[in-house]
């Protein structure tokens, strides 16, 4: 089994001005990991503001969606 990748995204008001820059960076990271994945990497993706949302709970990186 490959590595477990954990990404935690701050979506609070203080980060809103950088939203698209941050999402683009995360999506690029995930795309690169998909290309180099040869061990079955898994992804945990959590975002938070006033509440916490778990988007991916150890999903195989190939099945992980990009953030919008």
PDB file of N, CA and C in Angstrom:
ATOM      1  N   UNK A   1       0.847  -1.181   0.000  1.00  0.00           N
ATOM      2  CA  UNK A   1       0.000   0.000   0.000  1.00  0.00           C
ATOM      3  C   UNK A   1       0.890   1.242   0.000  1.00  0.00           C
ATOM      4  N   UNK A   2       0.479   2.248  -0.752  1.00  0.00           N
ATOM      5  CA  UNK A   2       1.243   3.477  -0.885  1.00  0.00           C
ATOM      6  C   UNK A   2       1.024   4.447   0.258  1.00  0.00           C
ATOM      7  N   UNK A   3       1.568   5.633   0.119  1.00  0.00           N
ATOM      8  CA  UNK A   3       1.470   6.632   1.179  1.00  0.00           C
ATOM      9  C   UNK A   3       0.046   7.159   1.348  1.00  0.00           C
ATOM     10  N   UNK A   4      -0.216   7.642   2.533  1.00  0.00           N
ATOM     11  CA  UNK A   4      -1.481   8.300   2.851  1.00  0.00           C
ATOM     12  C   UNK A   4      -1.216   9.799   2.861  1.00  0.00           C
ATOM     13  N   UNK A   5      -1.877  10.525   1.970  1.00  0.00           N
ATOM     14  CA  UNK A   5      -1.691  11.966   1.854  1.00  0.00           C
ATOM     15  C   UNK A   5      -2.819  12.670   2.600  1.00  0.00           C
ATOM     16  N   UNK A   6      -2.477  13.639   3.418  1.00  0.00           N
ATOM     17  CA  UNK A   6      -3.459  14.402   4.180  1.00  0.00           C
ATOM     18  C   UNK A   6      -3.360  15.863   3.769  1.00  0.00           C
ATOM     19  N   UNK A   7      -4.480  16.407   3.298  1.00  0.00           N
ATOM     20  CA  UNK A   7      -4.545  17.826   2.945  1.00  0.00           C
ATOM     21  C   UNK A   7      -5.650  18.450   3.778  1.00  0.00           C
ATOM     22  N   UNK A   8      -5.316  19.535   4.465  1.00  0.00           N
ATOM     23  CA  UNK A   8      -6.286  20.276   5.269  1.00  0.00           C
ATOM     24  C   UNK A   8      -6.364  21.679   4.693  1.00  0.00           C
ATOM     25  N   UNK A   9      -7.567  22.095   4.306  1.00  0.00           N
ATOM     26  CA  UNK A   9      -7.764  23.363   3.611  1.00  0.00           C
ATOM     27  C   UNK A   9      -8.541  24.333   4.498  1.00  0.00           C
ATOM     28  N   UNK A  10      -7.959  25.490   4.726  1.00  0.00           N
ATOM     29  CA  UNK A  10      -8.596  26.558   5.500  1.00  0.00           C
ATOM     30  C   UNK A  10      -9.457  27.378   4.549  1.00  0.00           C
ATOM     31  N   UNK A  11     -10.773  27.329   4.727  1.00  0.00           N
ATOM     32  CA  UNK A  11     -11.690  28.110   3.900  1.00  0.00           C
ATOM     33  C   UNK A  11     -12.330  29.251   4.687  1.00  0.00           C
ATOM     34  N   UNK A  12     -11.675  29.672   5.740  1.00  0.00           N
ATOM     35  CA  UNK A  12     -12.217  30.752   6.560  1.00  0.00           C
ATOM     36  C   UNK A  12     -12.161  32.074   5.797  1.00  0.00           C
ATOM     37  N   UNK A  13     -12.818  33.050   6.322  1.00  0.00           N
ATOM     38  CA  UNK A  13     -12.923  34.363   5.672  1.00  0.00           C
ATOM     39  C   UNK A  13     -11.550  34.962   5.365  1.00  0.00           C
ATOM     40  N   UNK A  14     -10.588  34.757   6.231  1.00  0.00           N
ATOM     41  CA  UNK A  14      -9.259  35.331   6.016  1.00  0.00           C
ATOM     42  C   UNK A  14      -8.541  34.738   4.808  1.00  0.00           C
ATOM     43  N   UNK A  15      -8.987  33.594   4.312  1.00  0.00           N
ATOM     44  CA  UNK A  15      -8.344  32.942   3.172  1.00  0.00           C
ATOM     45  C   UNK A  15      -9.115  33.131   1.865  1.00  0.00           C
ATOM     46  N   UNK A  16     -10.250  33.756   1.909  1.00  0.00           N
ATOM     47  CA  UNK A  16     -11.102  33.885   0.711  1.00  0.00           C
ATOM     48  C   UNK A  16     -10.423  34.602  -0.441  1.00  0.00           C
ATOM     49  N   UNK A  17      -9.596  35.581  -0.150  1.00  0.00           N
ATOM     50  CA  UNK A  17      -8.956  36.338  -1.227  1.00  0.00           C
ATOM     51  C   UNK A  17      -7.949  35.492  -2.008  1.00  0.00           C
ATOM     52  N   UNK A  18      -7.522  34.376  -1.440  1.00  0.00           N
ATOM     53  CA  UNK A  18      -6.550  33.500  -2.097  1.00  0.00           C
ATOM     54  C   UNK A  18      -7.170  32.172  -2.536  1.00  0.00           C
ATOM     55  N   UNK A  19      -8.497  32.093  -2.527  1.00  0.00           N
ATOM     56  CA  UNK A  19      -9.208  30.844  -2.777  1.00  0.00           C
ATOM     57  C   UNK A  19      -8.757  30.142  -4.058  1.00  0.00           C
ATOM     58  N   UNK A  20      -8.759  30.839  -5.176  1.00  0.00           N
ATOM     59  CA  UNK A  20      -8.456  30.199  -6.456  1.00  0.00           C
ATOM     60  C   UNK A  20      -6.991  29.791  -6.550  1.00  0.00           C
ATOM     61  N   UNK A  21      -6.125  30.578  -5.977  1.00  0.00           N
ATOM     62  CA  UNK A  21      -4.703  30.239  -5.946  1.00  0.00           C
ATOM     63  C   UNK A  21      -4.476  28.955  -5.130  1.00  0.00           C
ATOM     64  N   UNK A  22      -5.142  28.851  -3.997  1.00  0.00           N
ATOM     65  CA  UNK A  22      -5.013  27.675  -3.140  1.00  0.00           C
ATOM     66  C   UNK A  22      -5.608  26.441  -3.813  1.00  0.00           C
ATOM     67  N   UNK A  23      -6.810  26.569  -4.368  1.00  0.00           N
ATOM     68  CA  UNK A  23      -7.446  25.428  -5.049  1.00  0.00           C
ATOM     69  C   UNK A  23      -6.612  24.949  -6.222  1.00  0.00           C
ATOM     70  N   UNK A  24      -6.060  25.877  -6.975  1.00  0.00           N
ATOM     71  CA  UNK A  24      -5.213  25.510  -8.111  1.00  0.00           C
ATOM     72  C   UNK A  24      -3.987  24.740  -7.635  1.00  0.00           C
ATOM     73  N   UNK A  25      -3.377  25.198  -6.566  1.00  0.00           N
ATOM     74  CA  UNK A  25      -2.206  24.511  -6.015  1.00  0.00           C
ATOM     75  C   UNK A  25      -2.533  23.107  -5.538  1.00  0.00           C
ATOM     76  N   UNK A  26      -3.660  22.952  -4.850  1.00  0.00           N
ATOM     77  CA  UNK A  26      -4.075  21.629  -4.364  1.00  0.00           C
ATOM     78  C   UNK A  26      -4.355  20.702  -5.539  1.00  0.00           C
ATOM     79  N   UNK A  27      -5.093  21.194  -6.541  1.00  0.00           N
ATOM     80  CA  UNK A  27      -5.419  20.370  -7.710  1.00  0.00           C
ATOM     81  C   UNK A  27      -4.161  19.965  -8.476  1.00  0.00           C
ATOM     82  N   UNK A  28      -3.199  20.884  -8.586  1.00  0.00           N
ATOM     83  CA  UNK A  28      -1.940  20.546  -9.256  1.00  0.00           C
ATOM     84  C   UNK A  28      -1.186  19.473  -8.475  1.00  0.00           C
ATOM     85  N   UNK A  29      -1.170  19.594  -7.155  1.00  0.00           N
ATOM     86  CA  UNK A  29      -0.509  18.596  -6.319  1.00  0.00           C
ATOM     87  C   UNK A  29      -1.142  17.221  -6.512  1.00  0.00           C
ATOM     88  N   UNK A  30      -2.475  17.166  -6.483  1.00  0.00           N
ATOM     89  CA  UNK A  30      -3.177  15.898  -6.658  1.00  0.00           C
ATOM     90  C   UNK A  30      -2.895  15.320  -8.048  1.00  0.00           C
ATOM     91  N   UNK A  31      -2.896  16.165  -9.083  1.00  0.00           N
ATOM     92  CA  UNK A  31      -2.601  15.694 -10.445  1.00  0.00           C
ATOM     93  C   UNK A  31      -1.194  15.092 -10.537  1.00  0.00           C
ATOM     94  N   UNK A  32      -0.221  15.747  -9.922  1.00  0.00           N
ATOM     95  CA  UNK A  32       1.150  15.231  -9.935  1.00  0.00           C
ATOM     96  C   UNK A  32       1.205  13.892  -9.204  1.00  0.00           C
ATOM     97  N   UNK A  33       0.528  13.793  -8.085  1.00  0.00           N
ATOM     98  CA  UNK A  33       0.525  12.544  -7.319  1.00  0.00           C
ATOM     99  C   UNK A  33      -0.109  11.412  -8.116  1.00  0.00           C
ATOM    100  N   UNK A  34      -1.139  11.734  -8.881  1.00  0.00           N
ATOM    101  CA  UNK A  34      -1.756  10.711  -9.744  1.00  0.00           C
ATOM    102  C   UNK A  34      -0.771  10.189 -10.778  1.00  0.00           C
ATOM    103  N   UNK A  35       0.018  11.106 -11.339  1.00  0.00           N
ATOM    104  CA  UNK A  35       0.965  10.724 -12.389  1.00  0.00           C
ATOM    105  C   UNK A  35       2.101   9.866 -11.854  1.00  0.00           C
ATOM    106  N   UNK A  36       2.546  10.130 -10.640  1.00  0.00           N
ATOM    107  CA  UNK A  36       3.690   9.388 -10.088  1.00  0.00           C
ATOM    108  C   UNK A  36       3.255   8.220  -9.205  1.00  0.00           C
ATOM    109  N   UNK A  37       1.963   8.077  -8.999  1.00  0.00           N
ATOM    110  CA  UNK A  37       1.453   7.030  -8.108  1.00  0.00           C
ATOM    111  C   UNK A  37       1.670   5.652  -8.713  1.00  0.00           C
ATOM    112  N   UNK A  38       2.473   4.869  -8.048  1.00  0.00           N
ATOM    113  CA  UNK A  38       2.652   3.485  -8.475  1.00  0.00           C
ATOM    114  C   UNK A  38       2.513   2.542  -7.287  1.00  0.00           C
ATOM    115  N   UNK A  39       2.064   3.079  -6.167  1.00  0.00           N
ATOM    116  CA  UNK A  39       1.948   2.276  -4.959  1.00  0.00           C
ATOM    117  C   UNK A  39       0.555   2.337  -4.349  1.00  0.00           C
ATOM    118  N   UNK A  40      -0.408   2.929  -5.032  1.00  0.00           N
ATOM    119  CA  UNK A  40      -1.755   3.001  -4.479  1.00  0.00           C
ATOM    120  C   UNK A  40      -1.926   4.057  -3.411  1.00  0.00           C
ATOM    121  N   UNK A  41      -1.439   5.250  -3.662  1.00  0.00           N
ATOM    122  CA  UNK A  41      -1.571   6.343  -2.695  1.00  0.00           C
ATOM    123  C   UNK A  41      -3.031   6.615  -2.376  1.00  0.00           C
ATOM    124  N   UNK A  42      -3.278   7.005  -1.135  1.00  0.00           N
ATOM    125  CA  UNK A  42      -4.630   7.345  -0.699  1.00  0.00           C
ATOM    126  C   UNK A  42      -4.643   8.781  -0.212  1.00  0.00           C
ATOM    127  N   UNK A  43      -5.813   9.402  -0.270  1.00  0.00           N
ATOM    128  CA  UNK A  43      -5.951  10.817   0.062  1.00  0.00           C
ATOM    129  C   UNK A  43      -7.025  11.028   1.118  1.00  0.00           C
ATOM    130  N   UNK A  44      -6.661  11.804   2.118  1.00  0.00           N
ATOM    131  CA  UNK A  44      -7.631  12.336   3.077  1.00  0.00           C
ATOM    132  C   UNK A  44      -7.646  13.842   2.832  1.00  0.00           C
ATOM    133  N   UNK A  45      -8.815  14.389   2.558  1.00  0.00           N
ATOM    134  CA  UNK A  45      -8.953  15.812   2.265  1.00  0.00           C
ATOM    135  C   UNK A  45     -10.026  16.396   3.167  1.00  0.00           C
ATOM    136  N   UNK A  46      -9.619  17.369   3.970  1.00  0.00           N
ATOM    137  CA  UNK A  46     -10.503  18.000   4.941  1.00  0.00           C
ATOM    138  C   UNK A  46     -10.502  19.496   4.683  1.00  0.00           C
ATOM    139  N   UNK A  47     -11.677  20.107   4.721  1.00  0.00           N
ATOM    140  CA  UNK A  47     -11.739  21.558   4.631  1.00  0.00           C
ATOM    141  C   UNK A  47     -12.506  22.074   5.848  1.00  0.00           C
ATOM    142  N   UNK A  48     -12.166  23.286   6.249  1.00  0.00           N
ATOM    143  CA  UNK A  48     -12.824  23.848   7.422  1.00  0.00           C
ATOM    144  C   UNK A  48     -13.006  25.345   7.295  1.00  0.00           C
ATOM    145  N   UNK A  49     -14.040  25.812   7.912  1.00  0.00           N
ATOM    146  CA  UNK A  49     -14.314  27.228   8.144  1.00  0.00           C
ATOM    147  C   UNK A  49     -15.023  27.271   9.496  1.00  0.00           C
ATOM    148  N   UNK A  50     -16.329  27.503   9.522  1.00  0.00           N
ATOM    149  CA  UNK A  50     -17.078  27.415  10.781  1.00  0.00           C
ATOM    150  C   UNK A  50     -17.346  25.971  11.165  1.00  0.00           C
ATOM    151  N   UNK A  51     -17.223  25.079  10.208  1.00  0.00           N
ATOM    152  CA  UNK A  51     -17.408  23.648  10.447  1.00  0.00           C
ATOM    153  C   UNK A  51     -16.340  22.881   9.670  1.00  0.00           C
ATOM    154  N   UNK A  52     -16.252  21.614   9.951  1.00  0.00           N
ATOM    155  CA  UNK A  52     -15.270  20.748   9.301  1.00  0.00           C
ATOM    156  C   UNK A  52     -16.002  19.822   8.333  1.00  0.00           C
ATOM    157  N   UNK A  53     -15.473  19.710   7.097  1.00  0.00           N
ATOM    158  CA  UNK A  53     -16.052  18.832   6.087  1.00  0.00           C
ATOM    159  C   UNK A  53     -14.985  17.865   5.602  1.00  0.00           C
ATOM    160  N   UNK A  54     -15.279  16.594   5.674  1.00  0.00           N
ATOM    161  CA  UNK A  54     -14.375  15.561   5.189  1.00  0.00           C
ATOM    162  C   UNK A  54     -14.767  15.229   3.754  1.00  0.00           C
ATOM    163  N   UNK A  55     -13.909  15.596   2.796  1.00  0.00           N
ATOM    164  CA  UNK A  55     -14.215  15.373   1.381  1.00  0.00           C
ATOM    165  C   UNK A  55     -13.761  14.005   0.900  1.00  0.00           C
ATOM    166  N   UNK A  56     -12.619  13.561   1.358  1.00  0.00           N
ATOM    167  CA  UNK A  56     -12.090  12.253   0.992  1.00  0.00           C
ATOM    168  C   UNK A  56     -11.600  11.580   2.263  1.00  0.00           C
ATOM    169  N   UNK A  57     -11.977  10.348   2.440  1.00  0.00           N
ATOM    170  CA  UNK A  57     -11.612   9.617   3.653  1.00  0.00           C
ATOM    171  C   UNK A  57     -10.767   8.402   3.267  1.00  0.00           C
ATOM    172  N   UNK A  58      -9.549   8.685   2.855  1.00  0.00           N
ATOM    173  CA  UNK A  58      -8.640   7.604   2.489  1.00  0.00           C
ATOM    174  C   UNK A  58      -8.911   7.015   1.124  1.00  0.00           C
ATOM    175  N   UNK A  59      -9.546   7.792   0.246  1.00  0.00           N
ATOM    176  CA  UNK A  59      -9.828   7.327  -1.116  1.00  0.00           C
ATOM    177  C   UNK A  59      -8.530   7.129  -1.894  1.00  0.00           C
ATOM    178  N   UNK A  60      -8.532   6.145  -2.775  1.00  0.00           N
ATOM    179  CA  UNK A  60      -7.398   5.979  -3.684  1.00  0.00           C
ATOM    180  C   UNK A  60      -7.276   7.262  -4.499  1.00  0.00           C
ATOM    181  N   UNK A  61      -6.072   7.721  -4.701  1.00  0.00           N
ATOM    182  CA  UNK A  61      -5.846   9.012  -5.363  1.00  0.00           C
ATOM    183  C   UNK A  61      -6.455   9.065  -6.759  1.00  0.00           C
ATOM    184  N   UNK A  62      -6.552   7.939  -7.439  1.00  0.00           N
ATOM    185  CA  UNK A  62      -7.163   7.915  -8.769  1.00  0.00           C
ATOM    186  C   UNK A  62      -8.660   8.203  -8.713  1.00  0.00           C
ATOM    187  N   UNK A  63      -9.304   7.936  -7.600  1.00  0.00           N
ATOM    188  CA  UNK A  63     -10.733   8.149  -7.463  1.00  0.00           C
ATOM    189  C   UNK A  63     -11.064   9.488  -6.835  1.00  0.00           C
ATOM    190  N   UNK A  64     -10.060  10.241  -6.448  1.00  0.00           N
ATOM    191  CA  UNK A  64     -10.255  11.524  -5.786  1.00  0.00           C
ATOM    192  C   UNK A  64     -10.594  12.594  -6.808  1.00  0.00           C
ATOM    193  N   UNK A  65     -11.589  13.397  -6.471  1.00  0.00           N
ATOM    194  CA  UNK A  65     -11.986  14.485  -7.354  1.00  0.00           C
ATOM    195  C   UNK A  65     -11.156  15.723  -7.071  1.00  0.00           C
ATOM    196  N   UNK A  66     -11.108  16.607  -8.028  1.00  0.00           N
ATOM    197  CA  UNK A  66     -10.420  17.875  -7.810  1.00  0.00           C
ATOM    198  C   UNK A  66     -11.346  18.819  -7.074  1.00  0.00           C
ATOM    199  N   UNK A  67     -10.770  19.800  -6.435  1.00  0.00           N
ATOM    200  CA  UNK A  67     -11.552  20.765  -5.665  1.00  0.00           C
ATOM    201  C   UNK A  67     -12.009  21.898  -6.563  1.00  0.00           C
ATOM    202  N   UNK A  68     -13.180  22.438  -6.253  1.00  0.00           N
ATOM    203  CA  UNK A  68     -13.731  23.567  -7.007  1.00  0.00           C
ATOM    204  C   UNK A  68     -14.035  24.700  -6.076  1.00  0.00           C
TER     205      UNK A  68
END
